[in-house]
Structures are given as C-alpha cells and as structure tokens.
Amino acid sequence: MVCIEARGLRKSYGPTVALDGIDLRVETGRILGLIGPNGAGKTTALSAILGLSPYQGELKVLGRDPWRERDELMADVCFIADVAVLPRWMRVDQAVDYVAGVHPRFDRAKAEALLAKTTIKHTSRVRELSKGMVAQLHLALIMAIDARLLVLDEPTLGLDILYRKSFYDTLLNDYFDNSRTIVVTTHQVEEVQHILTDLMFLNRGRIVLNTSMDAFEQRYAEVMVLPEHIAEARSLAPIQERQVFGRSLFLFDNVDRAHLAALGDVRTPSIADLFVAIIGADQAEAQRPAA
C-alpha cells in the first residue's frame, strides 16, 4: 500500500523554485530519511505532505489530497518539528489531559506508560523541564496517538547524544510497526542510518538519490586503496577520492566488490560520506558555466 505519492510536485516562492517537479513514492511500513542541505526543499516538501501549503502537481497522502482534505488527514498523521513547543506554563498532567480531550485516537494509558520510562514528574511545568525532557514529553504524547504516518523534521535538534539515542530507540522499539510509516529529516544522519529502510537526497528542489537501504548497501562501496593500486582505482571512475590520514579513500558506485577487494579494504560508506560526495558533485555541476 502506498502512503505518500507525488507526481510533478512543484512549489515556488516568487522566482525561487523550492520543489522542481519531484516524483515521490513512499510505501506503508517504511522509514524514509529525507536528507538535504539547508534550502534544498525538505521543509517545503513536508509542508505540502502535511497540507500546510498549496502546491502544483499531484500529491496523495494516505489516499487523500492534503491541501483539500487536511482535516480528515490529520486524524491519521502526527508531526514533530524542530521548533515544536509546548506551553511553558502547562503542567505535564495538563498536557496529557489536553491531548486526550482534542484527539479521538489518543491512548492515555500508552502515554502514561511511555512517561513512566522517563524521570518526568506529572506535576512539573514545561518551563521546569530540560530541553531533552520536553522532547521526551512531546514524543510520549505523539506516540500515544494511533497515527498511520509520523513526520519528523529535525526532531532532536539541540539535544545531547544521550537524549538523541533514547529518542530513536523509543521510536523504533515502542512505536514503529509494519502498519506505520515514518518520514524523518535530519542533519545528524549518522544517528538514523541504522533505522532507515529508504533514503532520499534532495538538493536544489530536485531528488538526486532515491534508494532503499538494501540497495544502498549493495550499490555503494568505499575502499581504502593501497598505494600501488591508486592508478587502477582511478581507472574505475570513482565518484569521490579523498585523503584520510595520508591514505587514499575512494567511493564507488556499482563496481564489483570482488574487484575492489583486490585494491584495498572495502566497506559500506556512511550516509554522511555518500551525501557529501553526491551533493558536492551536484552543486559543482550547477556552478559550472554553460557551454
């Protein structure tokens, strides 16, 4: 079943093209990492998916038009943004009461169980909580809603590493299942690589990579090439070559791993390293003078 499907999705702000006619398909039960530099169009894409802004092209989310059917769609969608805030005067128990009163698919018992795993007191006010605790509270409230799609926009921005790890562990172990879909954007890609099922790179409003993580691991290889094999490695058209502690590290796309193993140590690259290689090449191409 398809959770999100877009064809020719386009959005402009005056002369600035934020989304340049992208095609997107996200199946139910997947975790998509939407990765891109600042200004790539990620937030614009999420705004369209959430029905927060109009767009050109075709877009269906859970079978609905998000702009025209947003009220119905929001019964099945939850969203956590980097700027998400809770009223500072509100107590934790009041926040639970509020969500229970406004959302028909909120499970109070589940929220209480999630909060019981934290050190958050029900009588504490939001202003008395650390930023990490506020994130835990927000996550408990969201995860207690029986939503089919969860959208996360830089959800752990500003949190320390312990809270970031706890956030994603909780998300994976206590929320995700094959009936739910998660879309996450983050600059801290090394922390989500292990939870993603699919990966998409967005740059200048265009999709420059769209792959499953299974295909990613088979397609790309990073090799610490032995000095005597440098020339041979370059002949295989690597997508990137860089120096690490005086040794040559090459990144390859669709080159036989058995062949690469004869050149040096082979491993699967990180999403961050592949992102730098692909986005760097795309931006260099955009800056190259037209012939």
C-alpha atoms as a PDB file:
ATOM      1  CA  MET A   1       0.000   0.000   0.000  1.00  0.00           C
ATOM      2  CA  VAL A   2       1.227   3.499  -0.847  1.00  0.00           C
ATOM      3  CA  CYS A   3       1.413   6.034   1.978  1.00  0.00           C
ATOM      4  CA  ILE A   4       2.713   9.050   0.025  1.00  0.00           C
ATOM      5  CA  GLU A   5       2.701   9.510  -3.733  1.00  0.00           C
ATOM      6  CA  ALA A   6       3.651  12.668  -5.627  1.00  0.00           C
ATOM      7  CA  ARG A   7       3.981  13.361  -9.332  1.00  0.00           C
ATOM      8  CA  GLY A   8       5.464  16.562 -10.651  1.00  0.00           C
ATOM      9  CA  LEU A   9       5.308  18.182  -7.208  1.00  0.00           C
ATOM     10  CA  ARG A  10       6.339  21.791  -7.574  1.00  0.00           C
ATOM     11  CA  LYS A  11       6.410  24.823  -5.289  1.00  0.00           C
ATOM     12  CA  SER A  12       7.832  28.287  -5.920  1.00  0.00           C
ATOM     13  CA  TYR A  13       8.237  31.366  -3.774  1.00  0.00           C
ATOM     14  CA  GLY A  14       8.370  34.142  -6.317  1.00  0.00           C
ATOM     15  CA  PRO A  15      11.390  33.471  -8.552  1.00  0.00           C
ATOM     16  CA  THR A  16      12.762  30.846  -6.133  1.00  0.00           C
ATOM     17  CA  VAL A  17      11.902  27.248  -7.013  1.00  0.00           C
ATOM     18  CA  ALA A  18      11.713  25.223  -3.789  1.00  0.00           C
ATOM     19  CA  LEU A  19      10.458  21.982  -5.373  1.00  0.00           C
ATOM     20  CA  ASP A  20      11.223  21.381  -9.020  1.00  0.00           C
ATOM     21  CA  GLY A  21       8.658  18.850 -10.172  1.00  0.00           C
ATOM     22  CA  ILE A  22       9.660  15.898  -7.986  1.00  0.00           C
ATOM     23  CA  ASP A  23       8.186  12.395  -8.114  1.00  0.00           C
ATOM     24  CA  LEU A  24       7.923  10.623  -4.784  1.00  0.00           C
ATOM     25  CA  ARG A  25       6.533   7.284  -3.637  1.00  0.00           C
ATOM     26  CA  VAL A  26       6.682   6.007  -0.055  1.00  0.00           C
ATOM     27  CA  GLU A  27       5.196   2.616   0.748  1.00  0.00           C
ATOM     28  CA  THR A  28       3.404   1.894   4.020  1.00  0.00           C
ATOM     29  CA  GLY A  29       5.605   0.431   6.744  1.00  0.00           C
ATOM     30  CA  ARG A  30       8.798   2.195   5.666  1.00  0.00           C
ATOM     31  CA  ILE A  31      11.110   4.679   7.379  1.00  0.00           C
ATOM     32  CA  LEU A  32      12.306   7.275   4.887  1.00  0.00           C
ATOM     33  CA  GLY A  33      15.250   9.550   5.566  1.00  0.00           C
ATOM     34  CA  LEU A  34      14.812  12.783   3.599  1.00  0.00           C
ATOM     35  CA  ILE A  35      18.259  14.347   3.604  1.00  0.00           C
ATOM     36  CA  GLY A  36      19.448  17.595   2.076  1.00  0.00           C
ATOM     37  CA  PRO A  37      21.397  20.787   2.737  1.00  0.00           C
ATOM     38  CA  ASN A  38      19.713  23.941   4.009  1.00  0.00           C
ATOM     39  CA  GLY A  39      17.449  25.358   1.322  1.00  0.00           C
ATOM     40  CA  ALA A  40      17.161  22.039  -0.531  1.00  0.00           C
ATOM     41  CA  GLY A  41      13.351  21.942  -0.280  1.00  0.00           C
ATOM     42  CA  LYS A  42      12.903  19.465   2.590  1.00  0.00           C
ATOM     43  CA  THR A  43      10.663  21.646   4.756  1.00  0.00           C
ATOM     44  CA  THR A  44       8.664  22.702   1.698  1.00  0.00           C
ATOM     45  CA  ALA A  45       8.071  19.046   0.818  1.00  0.00           C
ATOM     46  CA  LEU A  46       6.963  18.277   4.369  1.00  0.00           C
ATOM     47  CA  SER A  47       4.648  21.304   4.395  1.00  0.00           C
ATOM     48  CA  ALA A  48       2.965  20.028   1.235  1.00  0.00           C
ATOM     49  CA  ILE A  49       2.641  16.496   2.648  1.00  0.00           C
ATOM     50  CA  LEU A  50       1.090  17.877   5.843  1.00  0.00           C
ATOM     51  CA  GLY A  51      -1.324  20.134   3.956  1.00  0.00           C
ATOM     52  CA  LEU A  52       0.239  23.293   5.347  1.00  0.00           C
ATOM     53  CA  SER A  53       0.824  24.957   1.971  1.00  0.00           C
ATOM     54  CA  PRO A  54      -0.593  24.715  -1.565  1.00  0.00           C
ATOM     55  CA  TYR A  55       1.461  23.213  -4.386  1.00  0.00           C
ATOM     56  CA  GLN A  56       1.424  22.355  -8.058  1.00  0.00           C
ATOM     57  CA  GLY A  57       1.317  18.799  -9.342  1.00  0.00           C
ATOM     58  CA  GLU A  58      -0.305  15.696  -7.880  1.00  0.00           C
ATOM     59  CA  LEU A  59       0.028  14.623  -4.248  1.00  0.00           C
ATOM     60  CA  LYS A  60      -1.793  11.975  -2.264  1.00  0.00           C
ATOM     61  CA  VAL A  61      -1.110  11.178   1.395  1.00  0.00           C
ATOM     62  CA  LEU A  62      -2.912   8.125   2.745  1.00  0.00           C
ATOM     63  CA  GLY A  63      -5.143   8.393  -0.306  1.00  0.00           C
ATOM     64  CA  ARG A  64      -6.141  11.997   0.400  1.00  0.00           C
ATOM     65  CA  ASP A  65      -5.346  15.379  -1.096  1.00  0.00           C
ATOM     66  CA  PRO A  66      -3.529  17.015   1.866  1.00  0.00           C
ATOM     67  CA  TRP A  67      -4.453  20.579   0.885  1.00  0.00           C
ATOM     68  CA  ARG A  68      -8.177  19.950   0.323  1.00  0.00           C
ATOM     69  CA  GLU A  69      -8.700  17.190   2.884  1.00  0.00           C
ATOM     70  CA  ARG A  70      -6.348  18.263   5.663  1.00  0.00           C
ATOM     71  CA  ASP A  71      -8.887  17.955   8.490  1.00  0.00           C
ATOM     72  CA  GLU A  72      -9.570  14.306   7.671  1.00  0.00           C
ATOM     73  CA  LEU A  73      -5.885  13.575   7.035  1.00  0.00           C
ATOM     74  CA  MET A  74      -4.737  14.921  10.398  1.00  0.00           C
ATOM     75  CA  ALA A  75      -6.639  12.154  12.179  1.00  0.00           C
ATOM     76  CA  ASP A  76      -4.029   9.758  10.773  1.00  0.00           C
ATOM     77  CA  VAL A  77      -0.884  11.940  10.794  1.00  0.00           C
ATOM     78  CA  CYS A  78       1.399  13.220  13.556  1.00  0.00           C
ATOM     79  CA  PHE A  79       4.203  15.763  13.242  1.00  0.00           C
ATOM     80  CA  ILE A  80       7.197  16.741  15.363  1.00  0.00           C
ATOM     81  CA  ALA A  81       9.250  19.747  14.235  1.00  0.00           C
ATOM     82  CA  ASP A  82      12.493  21.253  15.443  1.00  0.00           C
ATOM     83  CA  VAL A  83      10.545  24.316  16.574  1.00  0.00           C
ATOM     84  CA  ALA A  84       7.849  22.303  18.336  1.00  0.00           C
ATOM     85  CA  VAL A  85       6.973  23.865  21.669  1.00  0.00           C
ATOM     86  CA  LEU A  86       4.564  23.168  24.473  1.00  0.00           C
ATOM     87  CA  PRO A  87       3.096  25.987  26.587  1.00  0.00           C
ATOM     88  CA  ARG A  88       5.667  26.729  29.267  1.00  0.00           C
ATOM     89  CA  TRP A  89       3.014  27.321  31.922  1.00  0.00           C
ATOM     90  CA  MET A  90       1.375  23.937  31.385  1.00  0.00           C
ATOM     91  CA  ARG A  91       1.905  21.008  33.743  1.00  0.00           C
ATOM     92  CA  VAL A  92       2.726  17.585  32.330  1.00  0.00           C
ATOM     93  CA  ASP A  93      -0.584  16.111  33.506  1.00  0.00           C
ATOM     94  CA  GLN A  94      -2.429  19.046  31.894  1.00  0.00           C
ATOM     95  CA  ALA A  95      -0.674  18.355  28.592  1.00  0.00           C
ATOM     96  CA  VAL A  96      -1.850  14.733  28.736  1.00  0.00           C
ATOM     97  CA  ASP A  97      -5.395  15.870  29.583  1.00  0.00           C
ATOM     98  CA  TYR A  98      -5.392  18.353  26.705  1.00  0.00           C
ATOM     99  CA  VAL A  99      -4.330  15.868  24.024  1.00  0.00           C
ATOM    100  CA  ALA A 100      -6.787  13.300  25.382  1.00  0.00           C
ATOM    101  CA  GLY A 101      -9.539  15.893  25.001  1.00  0.00           C
ATOM    102  CA  VAL A 102      -8.771  17.008  21.454  1.00  0.00           C
ATOM    103  CA  HIS A 103      -7.609  13.850  19.676  1.00  0.00           C
ATOM    104  CA  PRO A 104     -10.032  10.909  19.383  1.00  0.00           C
ATOM    105  CA  ARG A 105      -7.218   8.392  18.728  1.00  0.00           C
ATOM    106  CA  PHE A 106      -5.100   9.280  21.761  1.00  0.00           C
ATOM    107  CA  ASP A 107      -4.341   6.396  24.134  1.00  0.00           C
ATOM    108  CA  ARG A 108      -3.852   7.841  27.622  1.00  0.00           C
ATOM    109  CA  ALA A 109      -2.605   4.535  29.052  1.00  0.00           C
ATOM    110  CA  LYS A 110       0.118   4.351  26.402  1.00  0.00           C
ATOM    111  CA  ALA A 111       1.196   7.935  27.093  1.00  0.00           C
ATOM    112  CA  GLU A 112       1.404   7.188  30.811  1.00  0.00           C
ATOM    113  CA  ALA A 113       3.456   4.051  30.146  1.00  0.00           C
ATOM    114  CA  LEU A 114       5.911   5.989  27.983  1.00  0.00           C
ATOM    115  CA  LEU A 115       6.239   8.767  30.560  1.00  0.00           C
ATOM    116  CA  ALA A 116       6.852   6.145  33.260  1.00  0.00           C
ATOM    117  CA  LYS A 117      10.093   5.254  31.475  1.00  0.00           C
ATOM    118  CA  THR A 118      11.374   8.812  31.980  1.00  0.00           C
ATOM    119  CA  THR A 119      12.171  10.899  35.044  1.00  0.00           C
ATOM    120  CA  ILE A 120       9.474  13.446  34.169  1.00  0.00           C
ATOM    121  CA  LYS A 121       7.077  14.270  37.011  1.00  0.00           C
ATOM    122  CA  HIS A 122       3.404  14.787  36.218  1.00  0.00           C
ATOM    123  CA  THR A 123       3.303  17.878  38.441  1.00  0.00           C
ATOM    124  CA  SER A 124       6.244  19.578  36.697  1.00  0.00           C
ATOM    125  CA  ARG A 125       5.580  22.519  34.432  1.00  0.00           C
ATOM    126  CA  VAL A 126       7.086  22.564  30.942  1.00  0.00           C
ATOM    127  CA  ARG A 127       9.289  25.529  31.890  1.00  0.00           C
ATOM    128  CA  GLU A 128      10.871  23.382  34.622  1.00  0.00           C
ATOM    129  CA  LEU A 129      11.910  20.621  32.182  1.00  0.00           C
ATOM    130  CA  SER A 130      15.185  20.402  30.300  1.00  0.00           C
ATOM    131  CA  LYS A 131      15.051  20.523  26.504  1.00  0.00           C
ATOM    132  CA  GLY A 132      15.595  16.789  26.430  1.00  0.00           C
ATOM    133  CA  MET A 133      12.703  16.182  28.802  1.00  0.00           C
ATOM    134  CA  VAL A 134      10.422  18.391  26.698  1.00  0.00           C
ATOM    135  CA  ALA A 135      11.348  16.263  23.688  1.00  0.00           C
ATOM    136  CA  GLN A 136      10.548  13.114  25.682  1.00  0.00           C
ATOM    137  CA  LEU A 137       7.192  14.556  26.738  1.00  0.00           C
ATOM    138  CA  HIS A 138       6.335  15.581  23.194  1.00  0.00           C
ATOM    139  CA  LEU A 139       7.322  12.159  21.874  1.00  0.00           C
ATOM    140  CA  ALA A 140       5.193  10.385  24.506  1.00  0.00           C
ATOM    141  CA  LEU A 141       2.168  12.476  23.538  1.00  0.00           C
ATOM    142  CA  ILE A 142       2.679  11.867  19.822  1.00  0.00           C
ATOM    143  CA  MET A 143       3.428   8.154  20.103  1.00  0.00           C
ATOM    144  CA  ALA A 144       0.247   7.626  22.117  1.00  0.00           C
ATOM    145  CA  ILE A 145      -1.788   8.704  19.088  1.00  0.00           C
ATOM    146  CA  ASP A 146      -2.708   5.840  16.757  1.00  0.00           C
ATOM    147  CA  ALA A 147      -1.414   7.572  13.622  1.00  0.00           C
ATOM    148  CA  ARG A 148      -0.510   5.898  10.328  1.00  0.00           C
ATOM    149  CA  LEU A 149       2.098   8.491   9.321  1.00  0.00           C
ATOM    150  CA  LEU A 150       4.647  10.216  11.558  1.00  0.00           C
ATOM    151  CA  VAL A 151       6.617  13.149  10.127  1.00  0.00           C
ATOM    152  CA  LEU A 152       9.765  14.263  11.971  1.00  0.00           C
ATOM    153  CA  ASP A 153      11.548  17.477  10.976  1.00  0.00           C
ATOM    154  CA  GLU A 154      14.895  17.712  12.824  1.00  0.00           C
ATOM    155  CA  PRO A 155      13.245  16.222  15.932  1.00  0.00           C
ATOM    156  CA  THR A 156      16.419  16.006  18.044  1.00  0.00           C
ATOM    157  CA  LEU A 157      17.934  19.375  17.169  1.00  0.00           C
ATOM    158  CA  GLY A 158      19.801  20.770  20.164  1.00  0.00           C
ATOM    159  CA  LEU A 159      19.579  17.601  22.258  1.00  0.00           C
ATOM    160  CA  ASP A 160      22.643  15.898  23.681  1.00  0.00           C
ATOM    161  CA  ILE A 161      23.714  12.495  22.411  1.00  0.00           C
ATOM    162  CA  LEU A 162      22.030  10.544  25.222  1.00  0.00           C
ATOM    163  CA  TYR A 163      18.632  12.072  24.537  1.00  0.00           C
ATOM    164  CA  ARG A 164      19.076  11.664  20.781  1.00  0.00           C
ATOM    165  CA  LYS A 165      19.821   7.964  21.135  1.00  0.00           C
ATOM    166  CA  SER A 166      16.948   7.494  23.560  1.00  0.00           C
ATOM    167  CA  PHE A 167      14.599   9.300  21.159  1.00  0.00           C
ATOM    168  CA  TYR A 168      15.324   6.999  18.226  1.00  0.00           C
ATOM    169  CA  ASP A 169      15.431   3.842  20.344  1.00  0.00           C
ATOM    170  CA  THR A 170      11.990   4.655  21.734  1.00  0.00           C
ATOM    171  CA  LEU A 171      10.691   5.475  18.282  1.00  0.00           C
ATOM    172  CA  LEU A 172      11.873   2.179  16.830  1.00  0.00           C
ATOM    173  CA  ASN A 173      11.029  -0.117  19.744  1.00  0.00           C
ATOM    174  CA  ASP A 174       7.778   1.371  21.068  1.00  0.00           C
ATOM    175  CA  TYR A 175       6.135   2.962  18.017  1.00  0.00           C
ATOM    176  CA  PHE A 176       7.138   1.661  14.616  1.00  0.00           C
ATOM    177  CA  ASP A 177       5.489  -1.358  13.037  1.00  0.00           C
ATOM    178  CA  ASN A 178       4.603  -2.503   9.528  1.00  0.00           C
ATOM    179  CA  SER A 179       1.349  -0.555   9.546  1.00  0.00           C
ATOM    180  CA  ARG A 180       3.007   2.802  10.237  1.00  0.00           C
ATOM    181  CA  THR A 181       5.220   4.986   8.084  1.00  0.00           C
ATOM    182  CA  ILE A 182       7.843   7.469   9.264  1.00  0.00           C
ATOM    183  CA  VAL A 183       9.429  10.315   7.311  1.00  0.00           C
ATOM    184  CA  VAL A 184      12.377  11.973   9.031  1.00  0.00           C
ATOM    185  CA  THR A 185      14.623  14.858   8.051  1.00  0.00           C
ATOM    186  CA  THR A 186      17.827  15.475   9.972  1.00  0.00           C
ATOM    187  CA  HIS A 187      21.366  16.774   9.570  1.00  0.00           C
ATOM    188  CA  GLN A 188      22.544  14.176  12.095  1.00  0.00           C
ATOM    189  CA  VAL A 189      22.361  11.405   9.509  1.00  0.00           C
ATOM    190  CA  GLU A 190      24.816   9.115  11.269  1.00  0.00           C
ATOM    191  CA  GLU A 191      22.254   8.648  14.057  1.00  0.00           C
ATOM    192  CA  VAL A 192      19.395   7.481  11.818  1.00  0.00           C
ATOM    193  CA  GLN A 193      21.279   5.254   9.370  1.00  0.00           C
ATOM    194  CA  HIS A 194      20.505   2.125  11.395  1.00  0.00           C
ATOM    195  CA  ILE A 195      16.738   2.745  11.492  1.00  0.00           C
ATOM    196  CA  LEU A 196      16.071   3.769   7.876  1.00  0.00           C
ATOM    197  CA  THR A 197      14.573   1.488   5.265  1.00  0.00           C
ATOM    198  CA  ASP A 198      14.769   4.087   2.492  1.00  0.00           C
ATOM    199  CA  LEU A 199      16.949   7.070   1.680  1.00  0.00           C
ATOM    200  CA  MET A 200      16.370  10.170  -0.412  1.00  0.00           C
ATOM    201  CA  PHE A 201      18.751  13.068  -1.096  1.00  0.00           C
ATOM    202  CA  LEU A 202      17.164  16.376  -2.054  1.00  0.00           C
ATOM    203  CA  ASN A 203      19.155  19.277  -3.492  1.00  0.00           C
ATOM    204  CA  ARG A 204      18.019  22.492  -5.168  1.00  0.00           C
ATOM    205  CA  GLY A 205      14.447  21.236  -5.157  1.00  0.00           C
ATOM    206  CA  ARG A 206      15.309  18.023  -7.007  1.00  0.00           C
ATOM    207  CA  ILE A 207      15.738  14.407  -5.942  1.00  0.00           C
ATOM    208  CA  VAL A 208      19.339  13.393  -6.619  1.00  0.00           C
ATOM    209  CA  LEU A 209      19.199   9.992  -4.904  1.00  0.00           C
ATOM    210  CA  ASN A 210      16.280   7.696  -4.157  1.00  0.00           C
ATOM    211  CA  THR A 211      17.089   4.201  -2.933  1.00  0.00           C
ATOM    212  CA  SER A 212      16.254   1.551  -0.385  1.00  0.00           C
ATOM    213  CA  MET A 213      18.884   0.919   2.268  1.00  0.00           C
ATOM    214  CA  ASP A 214      19.272  -2.643   0.994  1.00  0.00           C
ATOM    215  CA  ALA A 215      20.129  -1.313  -2.463  1.00  0.00           C
ATOM    216  CA  PHE A 216      22.358   1.371  -0.913  1.00  0.00           C
ATOM    217  CA  GLU A 217      24.476  -1.264   0.805  1.00  0.00           C
ATOM    218  CA  GLN A 218      24.833  -3.284  -2.392  1.00  0.00           C
ATOM    219  CA  ARG A 219      25.417  -0.347  -4.740  1.00  0.00           C
ATOM    220  CA  TYR A 220      27.998   1.802  -2.958  1.00  0.00           C
ATOM    221  CA  ALA A 221      31.419   0.820  -1.678  1.00  0.00           C
ATOM    222  CA  GLU A 222      34.234   2.736  -0.006  1.00  0.00           C
ATOM    223  CA  VAL A 223      37.793   1.489  -0.428  1.00  0.00           C
ATOM    224  CA  MET A 224      40.979   2.418   1.411  1.00  0.00           C
ATOM    225  CA  VAL A 225      43.182   1.818  -1.615  1.00  0.00           C
ATOM    226  CA  LEU A 226      46.722   0.515  -1.304  1.00  0.00           C
ATOM    227  CA  PRO A 227      49.340   2.912  -2.780  1.00  0.00           C
ATOM    228  CA  GLU A 228      50.306   0.529  -5.575  1.00  0.00           C
ATOM    229  CA  HIS A 229      46.679   0.336  -6.786  1.00  0.00           C
ATOM    230  CA  ILE A 230      45.846   4.063  -6.946  1.00  0.00           C
ATOM    231  CA  ALA A 231      46.035   4.271 -10.748  1.00  0.00           C
ATOM    232  CA  GLU A 232      43.822   1.213 -11.176  1.00  0.00           C
ATOM    233  CA  ALA A 233      41.293   2.606  -8.692  1.00  0.00           C
ATOM    234  CA  ARG A 234      41.089   5.890 -10.605  1.00  0.00           C
ATOM    235  CA  SER A 235      40.504   3.981 -13.847  1.00  0.00           C
ATOM    236  CA  LEU A 236      37.264   2.607 -12.346  1.00  0.00           C
ATOM    237  CA  ALA A 237      35.712   6.114 -12.278  1.00  0.00           C
ATOM    238  CA  PRO A 238      35.136   6.646  -8.536  1.00  0.00           C
ATOM    239  CA  ILE A 239      32.548   9.240  -7.598  1.00  0.00           C
ATOM    240  CA  GLN A 240      34.904  10.646  -4.975  1.00  0.00           C
ATOM    241  CA  GLU A 241      38.537  10.461  -3.938  1.00  0.00           C
ATOM    242  CA  ARG A 242      39.839  11.943  -0.706  1.00  0.00           C
ATOM    243  CA  GLN A 243      42.756  11.677   1.675  1.00  0.00           C
ATOM    244  CA  VAL A 244      42.341  10.332   5.227  1.00  0.00           C
ATOM    245  CA  PHE A 245      45.435  10.274   7.433  1.00  0.00           C
ATOM    246  CA  GLY A 246      47.630  10.190   4.356  1.00  0.00           C
ATOM    247  CA  ARG A 247      45.788   7.299   2.724  1.00  0.00           C
ATOM    248  CA  SER A 248      43.556   7.395  -0.357  1.00  0.00           C
ATOM    249  CA  LEU A 249      39.867   6.673   0.202  1.00  0.00           C
ATOM    250  CA  PHE A 250      37.743   6.076  -2.901  1.00  0.00           C
ATOM    251  CA  LEU A 251      33.948   5.919  -3.181  1.00  0.00           C
ATOM    252  CA  PHE A 252      32.480   3.752  -5.943  1.00  0.00           C
ATOM    253  CA  ASP A 253      29.033   3.327  -7.451  1.00  0.00           C
ATOM    254  CA  ASN A 254      28.077  -0.076  -8.872  1.00  0.00           C
ATOM    255  CA  VAL A 255      31.575  -1.531  -9.111  1.00  0.00           C
ATOM    256  CA  ASP A 256      32.050  -5.244  -8.407  1.00  0.00           C
ATOM    257  CA  ARG A 257      33.141  -5.673  -4.779  1.00  0.00           C
ATOM    258  CA  ALA A 258      35.301  -8.679  -5.592  1.00  0.00           C
ATOM    259  CA  HIS A 259      37.303  -6.475  -7.946  1.00  0.00           C
ATOM    260  CA  LEU A 260      37.520  -3.703  -5.352  1.00  0.00           C
ATOM    261  CA  ALA A 261      38.734  -6.126  -2.674  1.00  0.00           C
ATOM    262  CA  ALA A 262      41.943  -6.578  -4.643  1.00  0.00           C
ATOM    263  CA  LEU A 263      42.628  -2.835  -4.335  1.00  0.00           C
ATOM    264  CA  GLY A 264      42.354  -2.469  -0.557  1.00  0.00           C
ATOM    265  CA  ASP A 265      39.942  -2.605   2.377  1.00  0.00           C
ATOM    266  CA  VAL A 266      36.287  -2.446   1.277  1.00  0.00           C
ATOM    267  CA  ARG A 267      33.377  -1.245   3.408  1.00  0.00           C
ATOM    268  CA  THR A 268      29.916   0.253   3.023  1.00  0.00           C
ATOM    269  CA  PRO A 269      30.110   4.050   3.211  1.00  0.00           C
ATOM    270  CA  SER A 270      28.176   6.082   5.732  1.00  0.00           C
ATOM    271  CA  ILE A 271      25.176   8.083   4.561  1.00  0.00           C
ATOM    272  CA  ALA A 272      27.098  11.222   5.526  1.00  0.00           C
ATOM    273  CA  ASP A 273      30.062  10.379   3.273  1.00  0.00           C
ATOM    274  CA  LEU A 274      27.795   9.488   0.343  1.00  0.00           C
ATOM    275  CA  PHE A 275      25.806  12.690   0.917  1.00  0.00           C
ATOM    276  CA  VAL A 276      28.957  14.834   0.736  1.00  0.00           C
ATOM    277  CA  ALA A 277      30.044  13.094  -2.481  1.00  0.00           C
ATOM    278  CA  ILE A 278      26.704  13.285  -4.304  1.00  0.00           C
ATOM    279  CA  ILE A 279      25.564  16.720  -3.148  1.00  0.00           C
ATOM    280  CA  GLY A 280      29.049  18.148  -3.704  1.00  0.00           C
ATOM    281  CA  ALA A 281      29.071  16.852  -7.272  1.00  0.00           C
ATOM    282  CA  ASP A 282      25.549  18.154  -7.897  1.00  0.00           C
ATOM    283  CA  GLN A 283      26.388  21.627  -6.617  1.00  0.00           C
ATOM    284  CA  ALA A 284      29.602  21.699  -8.642  1.00  0.00           C
ATOM    285  CA  GLU A 285      27.602  20.812 -11.754  1.00  0.00           C
ATOM    286  CA  ALA A 286      25.161  23.637 -11.043  1.00  0.00           C
ATOM    287  CA  GLN A 287      28.024  26.159 -10.765  1.00  0.00           C
ATOM    288  CA  ARG A 288      29.751  25.013 -13.968  1.00  0.00           C
ATOM    289  CA  PRO A 289      29.384  27.631 -16.746  1.00  0.00           C
ATOM    290  CA  ALA A 290      27.098  26.609 -19.581  1.00  0.00           C
ATOM    291  CA  ALA A 291      28.878  25.589 -22.764  1.00  0.00           C
END
